[in-house]
Amino acid sequence: MALSLMINLRLILVSGKTKEFLFSPNDSAADIAKHVYDNWPMDWEEEQVSSPNILRLIYQGRFLHGNVTLGALKLPFGKTTVMHLVARETLPEPNSQGQRNREKTGESNCCVIL
């Protein structure tokens, strides 16, 4: 595939270390995690994980599920897109943030029938 049709990702670890990789728009978050795991940068040695299955991508504050492709995110060709790469066994529940907010405000979605 021509370089102009590739997406440049700058991945940032929690430690602040970064590395850039080129991916196809057809690559999914799971494909990216496996590629990074298989090509783990030498200067990331201290952050090495035991499996690609626990690597998660965060884009614009949201965890990407494994089947989401870069093309689906409409990322620009020829520009660098920044994502965070974290080790996490499971993804948070989609509405977990909303649930926490409701708990803080004391609001409830249930009703009482008299």
N, C-alpha and C. Protein backbone atom coordinates (compact mmCIF):
# COMPACT_ATOMS: atom_id res chain seq x y z
N MET A 1 0.85 -1.18 0.00
CA MET A 1 0.00 0.00 0.00
C MET A 1 0.89 1.24 0.00
N ALA A 2 0.51 2.23 -0.78
CA ALA A 2 1.30 3.47 -0.87
C ALA A 2 1.31 4.19 0.47
N LEU A 3 2.44 4.82 0.80
CA LEU A 3 2.56 5.53 2.07
C LEU A 3 1.50 6.62 2.22
N SER A 4 1.09 7.22 1.10
CA SER A 4 0.12 8.30 1.19
C SER A 4 -1.25 7.80 1.65
N LEU A 5 -1.48 6.48 1.53
CA LEU A 5 -2.75 5.91 1.97
C LEU A 5 -2.64 5.23 3.33
N MET A 6 -1.55 5.51 4.01
CA MET A 6 -1.35 4.94 5.34
C MET A 6 -1.66 6.00 6.40
N ILE A 7 -1.97 5.51 7.59
CA ILE A 7 -2.26 6.40 8.72
C ILE A 7 -1.11 6.31 9.71
N ASN A 8 -0.55 7.45 10.05
CA ASN A 8 0.56 7.49 11.00
C ASN A 8 0.00 7.65 12.40
N LEU A 9 0.26 6.66 13.26
CA LEU A 9 -0.19 6.73 14.65
C LEU A 9 1.00 6.97 15.56
N ARG A 10 0.89 7.97 16.42
CA ARG A 10 1.87 8.17 17.49
C ARG A 10 1.22 7.63 18.74
N LEU A 11 1.77 6.54 19.25
CA LEU A 11 1.22 5.90 20.44
C LEU A 11 1.99 6.37 21.67
N ILE A 12 1.24 6.72 22.70
CA ILE A 12 1.83 7.23 23.95
C ILE A 12 1.50 6.25 25.07
N LEU A 13 2.53 5.84 25.79
CA LEU A 13 2.34 4.99 26.97
C LEU A 13 2.05 5.86 28.19
N VAL A 14 1.57 5.24 29.25
CA VAL A 14 1.32 5.95 30.50
C VAL A 14 2.60 6.61 31.00
N SER A 15 3.74 5.98 30.74
CA SER A 15 5.04 6.52 31.18
C SER A 15 5.43 7.78 30.40
N GLY A 16 4.71 8.06 29.30
CA GLY A 16 5.03 9.22 28.48
C GLY A 16 5.88 8.90 27.27
N LYS A 17 6.39 7.66 27.19
CA LYS A 17 7.19 7.26 26.02
C LYS A 17 6.29 7.18 24.79
N THR A 18 6.84 7.58 23.64
CA THR A 18 6.05 7.56 22.41
C THR A 18 6.80 6.81 21.31
N LYS A 19 6.02 6.35 20.34
CA LYS A 19 6.58 5.70 19.15
C LYS A 19 5.56 5.85 18.03
N GLU A 20 6.06 6.05 16.81
CA GLU A 20 5.15 6.18 15.67
C GLU A 20 5.15 4.91 14.83
N PHE A 21 3.96 4.56 14.35
CA PHE A 21 3.76 3.38 13.52
C PHE A 21 2.87 3.77 12.35
N LEU A 22 3.03 3.06 11.22
CA LEU A 22 2.16 3.26 10.06
C LEU A 22 1.17 2.11 9.96
N PHE A 23 -0.10 2.45 9.73
CA PHE A 23 -1.14 1.43 9.61
C PHE A 23 -2.05 1.73 8.43
N SER A 24 -2.72 0.70 7.98
CA SER A 24 -3.72 0.81 6.92
C SER A 24 -5.05 1.23 7.53
N PRO A 25 -5.92 1.91 6.76
CA PRO A 25 -7.25 2.26 7.28
C PRO A 25 -8.07 1.02 7.62
N ASN A 26 -7.71 -0.13 7.03
CA ASN A 26 -8.44 -1.37 7.30
C ASN A 26 -8.00 -2.05 8.59
N ASP A 27 -6.91 -1.58 9.19
CA ASP A 27 -6.42 -2.19 10.44
C ASP A 27 -7.35 -1.85 11.59
N SER A 28 -7.65 -2.86 12.39
CA SER A 28 -8.52 -2.66 13.56
C SER A 28 -7.68 -2.39 14.80
N ALA A 29 -8.35 -1.98 15.87
CA ALA A 29 -7.64 -1.76 17.13
C ALA A 29 -6.93 -3.04 17.59
N ALA A 30 -7.56 -4.20 17.37
CA ALA A 30 -6.94 -5.48 17.74
C ALA A 30 -5.71 -5.75 16.87
N ASP A 31 -5.79 -5.43 15.56
CA ASP A 31 -4.63 -5.61 14.66
C ASP A 31 -3.46 -4.74 15.13
N ILE A 32 -3.78 -3.51 15.51
CA ILE A 32 -2.74 -2.57 15.95
C ILE A 32 -2.08 -3.07 17.23
N ALA A 33 -2.90 -3.53 18.17
CA ALA A 33 -2.35 -4.05 19.43
C ALA A 33 -1.42 -5.23 19.16
N LYS A 34 -1.82 -6.13 18.26
CA LYS A 34 -0.97 -7.28 17.95
C LYS A 34 0.32 -6.84 17.27
N HIS A 35 0.23 -5.91 16.32
CA HIS A 35 1.43 -5.42 15.62
C HIS A 35 2.41 -4.77 16.61
N VAL A 36 1.88 -3.93 17.48
CA VAL A 36 2.75 -3.25 18.45
C VAL A 36 3.38 -4.27 19.39
N TYR A 37 2.59 -5.24 19.84
CA TYR A 37 3.11 -6.28 20.72
C TYR A 37 4.23 -7.07 20.03
N ASP A 38 4.00 -7.43 18.75
CA ASP A 38 4.99 -8.21 17.99
C ASP A 38 6.23 -7.40 17.63
N ASN A 39 6.10 -6.07 17.62
CA ASN A 39 7.21 -5.18 17.26
C ASN A 39 7.49 -4.20 18.40
N TRP A 40 7.45 -4.72 19.62
CA TRP A 40 7.59 -3.88 20.82
C TRP A 40 8.91 -3.09 20.76
N PRO A 41 8.85 -1.77 20.83
CA PRO A 41 10.08 -0.97 20.75
C PRO A 41 11.05 -1.29 21.89
N MET A 42 12.33 -1.28 21.56
CA MET A 42 13.35 -1.60 22.56
C MET A 42 13.33 -0.62 23.72
N ASP A 43 13.04 0.65 23.45
CA ASP A 43 13.06 1.63 24.55
C ASP A 43 11.77 1.58 25.39
N TRP A 44 10.87 0.66 25.05
CA TRP A 44 9.67 0.45 25.88
C TRP A 44 9.80 -0.82 26.72
N GLU A 45 11.02 -1.33 26.82
CA GLU A 45 11.23 -2.63 27.46
C GLU A 45 10.62 -2.72 28.86
N GLU A 46 10.71 -1.65 29.64
CA GLU A 46 10.18 -1.66 31.01
C GLU A 46 8.66 -1.78 31.03
N GLU A 47 8.00 -1.41 29.95
CA GLU A 47 6.53 -1.45 29.90
C GLU A 47 6.01 -2.69 29.17
N GLN A 48 6.89 -3.63 28.83
CA GLN A 48 6.49 -4.83 28.08
C GLN A 48 5.33 -5.55 28.79
N VAL A 49 4.33 -5.96 28.01
CA VAL A 49 3.17 -6.67 28.55
C VAL A 49 3.24 -8.15 28.18
N SER A 50 2.43 -8.95 28.84
CA SER A 50 2.49 -10.40 28.64
C SER A 50 1.70 -10.89 27.43
N SER A 51 0.78 -10.06 26.93
CA SER A 51 -0.08 -10.50 25.84
C SER A 51 -0.63 -9.29 25.07
N PRO A 52 -0.82 -9.42 23.75
CA PRO A 52 -1.43 -8.31 23.00
C PRO A 52 -2.89 -8.11 23.37
N ASN A 53 -3.50 -9.12 23.98
CA ASN A 53 -4.93 -9.05 24.30
C ASN A 53 -5.26 -8.05 25.40
N ILE A 54 -4.24 -7.58 26.14
CA ILE A 54 -4.54 -6.60 27.19
C ILE A 54 -4.17 -5.17 26.76
N LEU A 55 -3.65 -5.02 25.54
CA LEU A 55 -3.33 -3.68 25.05
C LEU A 55 -4.59 -3.00 24.55
N ARG A 56 -4.82 -1.80 25.02
CA ARG A 56 -6.02 -1.04 24.63
C ARG A 56 -5.61 0.32 24.08
N LEU A 57 -6.30 0.75 23.04
CA LEU A 57 -6.08 2.07 22.46
C LEU A 57 -7.13 3.04 22.97
N ILE A 58 -6.70 4.25 23.27
CA ILE A 58 -7.63 5.31 23.67
C ILE A 58 -7.48 6.43 22.65
N TYR A 59 -8.61 6.82 22.05
CA TYR A 59 -8.62 7.90 21.07
C TYR A 59 -9.68 8.90 21.47
N GLN A 60 -9.29 10.15 21.62
CA GLN A 60 -10.19 11.23 22.04
C GLN A 60 -10.96 10.85 23.31
N GLY A 61 -10.24 10.25 24.26
CA GLY A 61 -10.81 9.94 25.56
C GLY A 61 -11.66 8.69 25.62
N ARG A 62 -11.74 7.94 24.52
CA ARG A 62 -12.57 6.74 24.50
C ARG A 62 -11.74 5.51 24.18
N PHE A 63 -12.04 4.41 24.88
CA PHE A 63 -11.39 3.14 24.57
C PHE A 63 -11.96 2.64 23.24
N LEU A 64 -11.06 2.15 22.38
CA LEU A 64 -11.50 1.58 21.11
C LEU A 64 -11.68 0.08 21.26
N HIS A 65 -12.81 -0.42 20.84
CA HIS A 65 -13.03 -1.87 20.86
C HIS A 65 -12.23 -2.50 19.74
N GLY A 66 -11.88 -3.77 19.91
CA GLY A 66 -10.96 -4.45 19.02
C GLY A 66 -11.33 -4.46 17.56
N ASN A 67 -12.63 -4.41 17.24
CA ASN A 67 -13.05 -4.51 15.84
C ASN A 67 -13.16 -3.15 15.14
N VAL A 68 -12.91 -2.05 15.84
CA VAL A 68 -13.00 -0.72 15.24
C VAL A 68 -11.78 -0.49 14.35
N THR A 69 -12.02 -0.12 13.08
CA THR A 69 -10.91 0.13 12.16
C THR A 69 -10.55 1.62 12.17
N LEU A 70 -9.32 1.88 11.74
CA LEU A 70 -8.89 3.28 11.65
C LEU A 70 -9.72 4.03 10.61
N GLY A 71 -10.11 3.35 9.55
CA GLY A 71 -10.95 3.97 8.53
C GLY A 71 -12.29 4.40 9.08
N ALA A 72 -12.85 3.61 9.99
CA ALA A 72 -14.15 3.94 10.60
C ALA A 72 -14.05 5.21 11.44
N LEU A 73 -12.85 5.49 11.95
CA LEU A 73 -12.65 6.70 12.76
C LEU A 73 -12.40 7.94 11.88
N LYS A 74 -12.31 7.71 10.55
CA LYS A 74 -12.07 8.80 9.59
C LYS A 74 -10.79 9.59 9.92
N LEU A 75 -9.74 8.84 10.24
CA LEU A 75 -8.47 9.48 10.55
C LEU A 75 -7.83 10.00 9.26
N PRO A 76 -7.15 11.14 9.32
CA PRO A 76 -6.58 11.73 8.11
C PRO A 76 -5.32 10.99 7.64
N PHE A 77 -5.20 10.88 6.31
CA PHE A 77 -3.98 10.32 5.72
C PHE A 77 -2.91 11.40 5.73
N GLY A 78 -1.66 10.98 5.88
CA GLY A 78 -0.55 11.92 5.77
C GLY A 78 -0.36 12.82 6.98
N LYS A 79 -1.17 12.67 8.00
CA LYS A 79 -1.00 13.43 9.24
C LYS A 79 -0.84 12.44 10.38
N THR A 80 -0.23 12.91 11.45
CA THR A 80 -0.02 12.05 12.62
C THR A 80 -1.22 12.15 13.56
N THR A 81 -1.76 10.99 13.92
CA THR A 81 -2.84 10.92 14.88
C THR A 81 -2.27 10.35 16.18
N VAL A 82 -2.60 10.98 17.30
CA VAL A 82 -2.09 10.54 18.60
C VAL A 82 -3.14 9.68 19.30
N MET A 83 -2.70 8.54 19.80
CA MET A 83 -3.54 7.67 20.62
C MET A 83 -2.73 7.23 21.83
N HIS A 84 -3.43 6.91 22.90
CA HIS A 84 -2.78 6.36 24.09
C HIS A 84 -2.87 4.85 24.02
N LEU A 85 -1.84 4.19 24.50
CA LEU A 85 -1.79 2.73 24.55
C LEU A 85 -1.63 2.33 26.01
N VAL A 86 -2.59 1.57 26.52
CA VAL A 86 -2.55 1.17 27.92
C VAL A 86 -2.76 -0.34 28.03
N ALA A 87 -2.27 -0.90 29.12
CA ALA A 87 -2.50 -2.31 29.42
C ALA A 87 -3.70 -2.39 30.35
N ARG A 88 -4.72 -3.10 29.91
CA ARG A 88 -5.94 -3.20 30.70
C ARG A 88 -6.64 -4.49 30.31
N GLU A 89 -6.99 -5.29 31.31
CA GLU A 89 -7.61 -6.59 31.04
C GLU A 89 -8.96 -6.46 30.33
N THR A 90 -9.79 -5.55 30.82
CA THR A 90 -11.14 -5.42 30.26
C THR A 90 -11.43 -3.97 29.96
N LEU A 91 -12.35 -3.76 29.06
CA LEU A 91 -12.80 -2.40 28.76
C LEU A 91 -13.85 -1.99 29.76
N PRO A 92 -13.94 -0.70 30.06
CA PRO A 92 -15.01 -0.26 30.96
C PRO A 92 -16.36 -0.44 30.28
N GLU A 93 -17.40 -0.58 31.08
CA GLU A 93 -18.75 -0.68 30.53
C GLU A 93 -19.08 0.62 29.82
N PRO A 94 -19.81 0.56 28.70
CA PRO A 94 -20.10 1.77 27.93
C PRO A 94 -20.72 2.90 28.74
N ASN A 95 -21.59 2.58 29.70
CA ASN A 95 -22.28 3.62 30.46
C ASN A 95 -21.76 3.76 31.88
N SER A 96 -20.58 3.24 32.17
CA SER A 96 -20.09 3.29 33.54
C SER A 96 -19.89 4.72 34.02
N GLN A 97 -19.49 5.62 33.12
CA GLN A 97 -19.29 7.02 33.51
C GLN A 97 -20.62 7.64 33.91
N GLY A 98 -21.65 7.40 33.12
CA GLY A 98 -22.98 7.94 33.44
C GLY A 98 -23.49 7.39 34.76
N GLN A 99 -23.24 6.12 35.02
CA GLN A 99 -23.68 5.52 36.27
C GLN A 99 -23.01 6.20 37.46
N ARG A 100 -21.71 6.45 37.35
CA ARG A 100 -21.00 7.13 38.44
C ARG A 100 -21.57 8.52 38.65
N ASN A 101 -21.86 9.23 37.58
CA ASN A 101 -22.41 10.59 37.71
C ASN A 101 -23.76 10.56 38.41
N ARG A 102 -24.60 9.58 38.09
CA ARG A 102 -25.91 9.48 38.75
C ARG A 102 -25.75 9.22 40.25
N GLU A 103 -24.77 8.37 40.59
CA GLU A 103 -24.54 8.06 42.00
C GLU A 103 -24.12 9.31 42.76
N LYS A 104 -23.31 10.16 42.14
CA LYS A 104 -22.83 11.37 42.80
C LYS A 104 -23.97 12.36 43.03
N THR A 105 -24.89 12.48 42.08
CA THR A 105 -25.94 13.48 42.19
C THR A 105 -27.13 12.96 43.00
N GLY A 106 -27.18 11.66 43.19
CA GLY A 106 -28.30 11.10 43.94
C GLY A 106 -29.52 10.86 43.09
N GLU A 107 -29.45 11.15 41.79
CA GLU A 107 -30.58 10.91 40.91
C GLU A 107 -30.76 9.43 40.70
N SER A 108 -31.97 9.04 40.40
CA SER A 108 -32.26 7.64 40.17
C SER A 108 -33.19 7.49 39.00
N ASN A 109 -33.10 6.36 38.32
CA ASN A 109 -33.99 6.09 37.20
C ASN A 109 -35.10 5.13 37.59
N CYS A 110 -35.30 4.89 38.87
CA CYS A 110 -36.36 3.98 39.27
C CYS A 110 -37.55 4.76 39.84
N CYS A 111 -38.63 4.08 39.95
CA CYS A 111 -39.81 4.76 40.48
C CYS A 111 -40.43 3.91 41.58
N VAL A 112 -41.29 4.54 42.37
CA VAL A 112 -41.97 3.85 43.45
C VAL A 112 -43.46 3.79 43.11
N ILE A 113 -44.01 2.59 43.16
CA ILE A 113 -45.44 2.43 42.88
C ILE A 113 -46.12 2.23 44.23
N LEU A 114 -47.11 3.09 44.53
CA LEU A 114 -47.81 3.02 45.81
C LEU A 114 -49.13 2.31 45.68
